[in-house]
Each structure stands twice: as structure tokens, then as C-alpha cells.
Amino acid sequence: MPKHTLPFSFVVTLAGKEDAIRSGLAQTLAGLEPLGLNNDETTTVELVLAEALNNVVEHALASTNGETEIEIRTTHDDQGLLLVIVDQGVPMPTGTAPACREPELAVALDDMPEGGFGWFMIHTLTQEIDYKRVEDTNQLSLRLPVGLQPQTPTP
């Protein structure tokens, strides 16, 4: 049960390079402690955020050599947790977040794809995904149904 006043928000800033992701994750999870998330909720947040940050560093910021920053804007309200990842990298190729395509698993082990699981996982674990380009920034919004007040049944 949340131990804070809604909405609850904070920002984490990290270098836009692979070796900064672990620290950014740790800072974000520490900032979420007042929510009292259970282990499953914490794991969900960590998986989604790690995958999204890895994609930002690998694709959007590949040409920056870590010389730019990533901002994680975190807000918790009565709709759950909203993570907005902001970077100044290259925009998504299609101008939208990648679609949810289930990876093909009915193939020989040697033919198993190396990638393609990340966006499927993100879509599966979030209830809302939005991407937009605002001036020179990418803004990826991910809403997760965590830290919600339990619903009391009506008589």
C-alpha cells in the first residue's frame, strides 16, 4: 500500500552509456521504496526499465559515445506507475514505439533469434506505451499497473 501522497514523483538522470544503466536502475528502484512494491512489482519495473534503457543506449544513443544523458521521470498516481524516459538520441525509425510481435519460438535452437524479445516483454508487462518526439528529444512513456491501492468490494 502506498506510503505517500499522490501524485508521487521524482527524476533520475544518468549518462547515456551502457555502464550507467545499472546505477540508473538502482536509483530508480530506491526512489520507489516509499510505494512499498512487492517483489513481483519491483521485478516488473526493473525488467521493463532495464530493457527500455538498453534499447535507448544501443539504438538512440549509439552515435553519442555516452556524451549525452538519459532522464527517467517517474510518477505514481491512482493509475499506477508512469515512467517517461527522455533522451536526445535519434528518433524511432517509424515515429512510434515498436509493435508487439511475439517472437517465433517454434524453430530449431540454432535458428532461434538473438533479439526481438524486448519489445514483446515491454508490451506484455505494461498497460500503456506511448512514444513521441518533442523538439530534439525522444519521450517514451511506459505505464505499469504497480503500487495500486487494493479495491474494496462493494456490498
Protein backbone atom coordinates (compact mmCIF):
# COMPACT_ATOMS: atom_id res chain seq x y z
CA MET A 1 0.00 0.00 0.00
CA PRO A 2 1.45 3.41 -0.92
CA LYS A 3 3.07 5.33 1.94
CA HIS A 4 2.96 8.73 0.22
CA THR A 5 0.67 11.41 -1.07
CA LEU A 6 -0.47 11.12 -4.70
CA PRO A 7 0.91 12.01 -7.12
CA PHE A 8 4.39 10.95 -6.10
CA SER A 9 7.23 11.81 -8.48
CA PHE A 10 10.99 12.10 -8.87
CA VAL A 11 13.61 12.25 -11.63
CA VAL A 12 16.76 10.18 -12.13
CA THR A 13 19.44 11.32 -14.58
CA LEU A 14 22.14 9.01 -15.89
CA ALA A 15 24.83 9.07 -18.53
CA GLY A 16 23.69 7.72 -21.87
CA LYS A 17 26.04 4.76 -21.87
CA GLU A 18 25.74 1.07 -21.09
CA ASP A 19 27.75 1.08 -17.86
CA ALA A 20 25.45 3.73 -16.32
CA ILE A 21 22.25 1.68 -16.70
CA ARG A 22 22.77 -0.40 -13.56
CA SER A 23 23.21 2.74 -11.45
CA GLY A 24 20.14 4.37 -13.04
CA LEU A 25 18.08 1.27 -12.26
CA ALA A 26 19.30 1.21 -8.65
CA GLN A 27 18.50 4.91 -8.17
CA THR A 28 15.03 4.48 -9.64
CA LEU A 29 14.22 1.42 -7.54
CA ALA A 30 15.48 3.20 -4.42
CA GLY A 31 13.23 6.16 -5.25
CA LEU A 32 10.26 3.79 -5.50
CA GLU A 33 10.75 2.37 -1.99
CA PRO A 34 8.01 4.60 -0.45
CA LEU A 35 5.49 2.78 -2.68
CA GLY A 36 6.04 -0.47 -0.80
CA LEU A 37 6.02 -2.52 -4.02
CA ASN A 38 6.02 -6.28 -3.60
CA ASN A 39 8.80 -8.42 -5.15
CA ASP A 40 6.82 -9.16 -8.33
CA GLU A 41 6.08 -5.47 -8.89
CA THR A 42 9.70 -4.47 -8.27
CA THR A 43 10.91 -7.15 -10.69
CA THR A 44 8.43 -5.98 -13.33
CA VAL A 45 9.61 -2.37 -13.03
CA GLU A 46 13.24 -3.43 -13.18
CA LEU A 47 12.75 -5.67 -16.25
CA VAL A 48 10.78 -3.09 -18.22
CA LEU A 49 13.08 -0.21 -17.34
CA ALA A 50 16.27 -2.20 -18.00
CA GLU A 51 15.04 -3.29 -21.43
CA ALA A 52 13.92 0.22 -22.38
CA LEU A 53 17.18 1.81 -21.19
CA ASN A 54 19.27 -0.79 -23.03
CA ASN A 55 17.31 -0.02 -26.21
CA VAL A 56 17.88 3.72 -25.78
CA VAL A 57 21.63 3.28 -25.31
CA GLU A 58 22.00 0.68 -28.07
CA HIS A 59 19.85 2.37 -30.71
CA ALA A 60 19.01 6.01 -29.99
CA LEU A 61 22.34 6.98 -28.43
CA ALA A 62 24.72 4.68 -30.31
CA SER A 63 26.49 7.58 -32.04
CA THR A 64 26.83 9.81 -28.96
CA ASN A 65 29.62 7.83 -27.23
CA GLY A 66 27.88 8.34 -23.88
CA GLU A 67 28.21 12.12 -24.12
CA THR A 68 24.50 12.72 -23.54
CA GLU A 69 22.16 11.94 -20.67
CA ILE A 70 19.00 9.94 -20.14
CA GLU A 71 16.33 11.22 -17.82
CA ILE A 72 13.84 8.90 -16.11
CA ARG A 73 10.78 10.85 -14.98
CA THR A 74 8.84 8.76 -12.51
CA THR A 75 5.29 9.49 -11.37
CA HIS A 76 2.98 7.31 -9.32
CA ASP A 77 -0.72 8.11 -9.14
CA ASP A 78 -4.00 6.25 -8.81
CA GLN A 79 -3.43 4.75 -12.29
CA GLY A 80 -0.13 3.10 -11.35
CA LEU A 81 3.47 3.95 -12.18
CA LEU A 82 4.38 6.12 -15.16
CA LEU A 83 7.97 6.05 -16.37
CA VAL A 84 8.93 8.62 -19.00
CA ILE A 85 12.37 8.02 -20.50
CA VAL A 86 13.76 11.13 -22.18
CA ASP A 87 16.87 11.23 -24.37
CA GLN A 88 18.34 13.35 -27.14
CA GLY A 89 19.20 10.49 -29.44
CA VAL A 90 17.99 9.63 -32.90
CA PRO A 91 14.20 9.22 -33.19
CA MET A 92 12.41 5.89 -33.51
CA PRO A 93 12.57 4.89 -37.20
CA THR A 94 8.79 4.70 -37.61
CA GLY A 95 7.99 7.62 -35.31
CA THR A 96 6.17 5.22 -32.95
CA ALA A 97 7.15 2.61 -30.40
CA PRO A 98 7.77 -0.81 -31.97
CA ALA A 99 4.72 -3.06 -32.22
CA CYS A 100 4.18 -6.05 -30.00
CA ARG A 101 5.28 -9.03 -32.06
CA GLU A 102 5.55 -12.37 -30.33
CA PRO A 103 8.92 -13.92 -31.19
CA GLU A 104 8.83 -17.09 -33.28
CA LEU A 105 9.84 -19.88 -30.91
CA ALA A 106 8.76 -22.90 -32.97
CA VAL A 107 12.14 -23.10 -34.69
CA ALA A 108 15.28 -25.17 -34.25
CA LEU A 109 17.50 -24.00 -31.40
CA ASP A 110 20.20 -22.88 -33.85
CA ASP A 111 17.62 -20.75 -35.69
CA MET A 112 16.36 -19.03 -32.52
CA PRO A 113 16.57 -15.25 -32.92
CA GLU A 114 19.13 -13.39 -30.78
CA GLY A 115 16.87 -10.42 -30.22
CA GLY A 116 13.27 -9.42 -30.65
CA PHE A 117 12.07 -10.38 -27.20
CA GLY A 118 12.47 -6.99 -25.52
CA TRP A 119 9.56 -5.08 -27.01
CA PHE A 120 7.30 -8.10 -26.65
CA MET A 121 8.19 -8.23 -22.95
CA ILE A 122 7.69 -4.47 -22.53
CA HIS A 123 4.25 -4.65 -24.18
CA THR A 124 3.30 -7.67 -22.06
CA LEU A 125 4.27 -6.09 -18.73
CA THR A 126 2.92 -2.56 -19.28
CA GLN A 127 -0.63 -1.36 -19.67
CA GLU A 128 0.21 1.65 -21.83
CA ILE A 129 3.11 2.63 -24.11
CA ASP A 130 3.50 5.95 -25.87
CA TYR A 131 6.37 7.42 -27.85
CA LYS A 132 6.68 10.94 -29.12
CA ARG A 133 9.37 13.18 -30.47
CA VAL A 134 9.30 16.62 -28.81
CA GLU A 135 11.69 19.04 -30.50
CA ASP A 136 15.06 17.24 -30.23
CA THR A 137 14.07 14.69 -27.58
CA ASN A 138 12.60 11.21 -27.55
CA GLN A 139 9.97 10.64 -24.86
CA LEU A 140 8.99 7.04 -24.22
CA SER A 141 6.16 6.70 -21.69
CA LEU A 142 5.52 3.37 -20.01
CA ARG A 143 2.63 2.87 -17.57
CA LEU A 144 2.86 -0.13 -15.25
CA PRO A 145 -0.01 -1.35 -13.06
CA VAL A 146 2.05 -1.45 -9.85
CA GLY A 147 1.61 0.12 -6.43
CA LEU A 148 -2.15 0.34 -6.81
CA GLN A 149 -4.49 0.55 -3.85
CA PRO A 150 -6.39 -2.70 -3.35
CA GLN A 151 -10.00 -2.36 -4.41
CA THR A 152 -12.51 -2.82 -1.63
CA PRO A 153 -15.55 -4.81 -2.69
CA THR A 154 -18.87 -3.01 -2.56
CA PRO A 155 -21.59 -4.77 -0.55
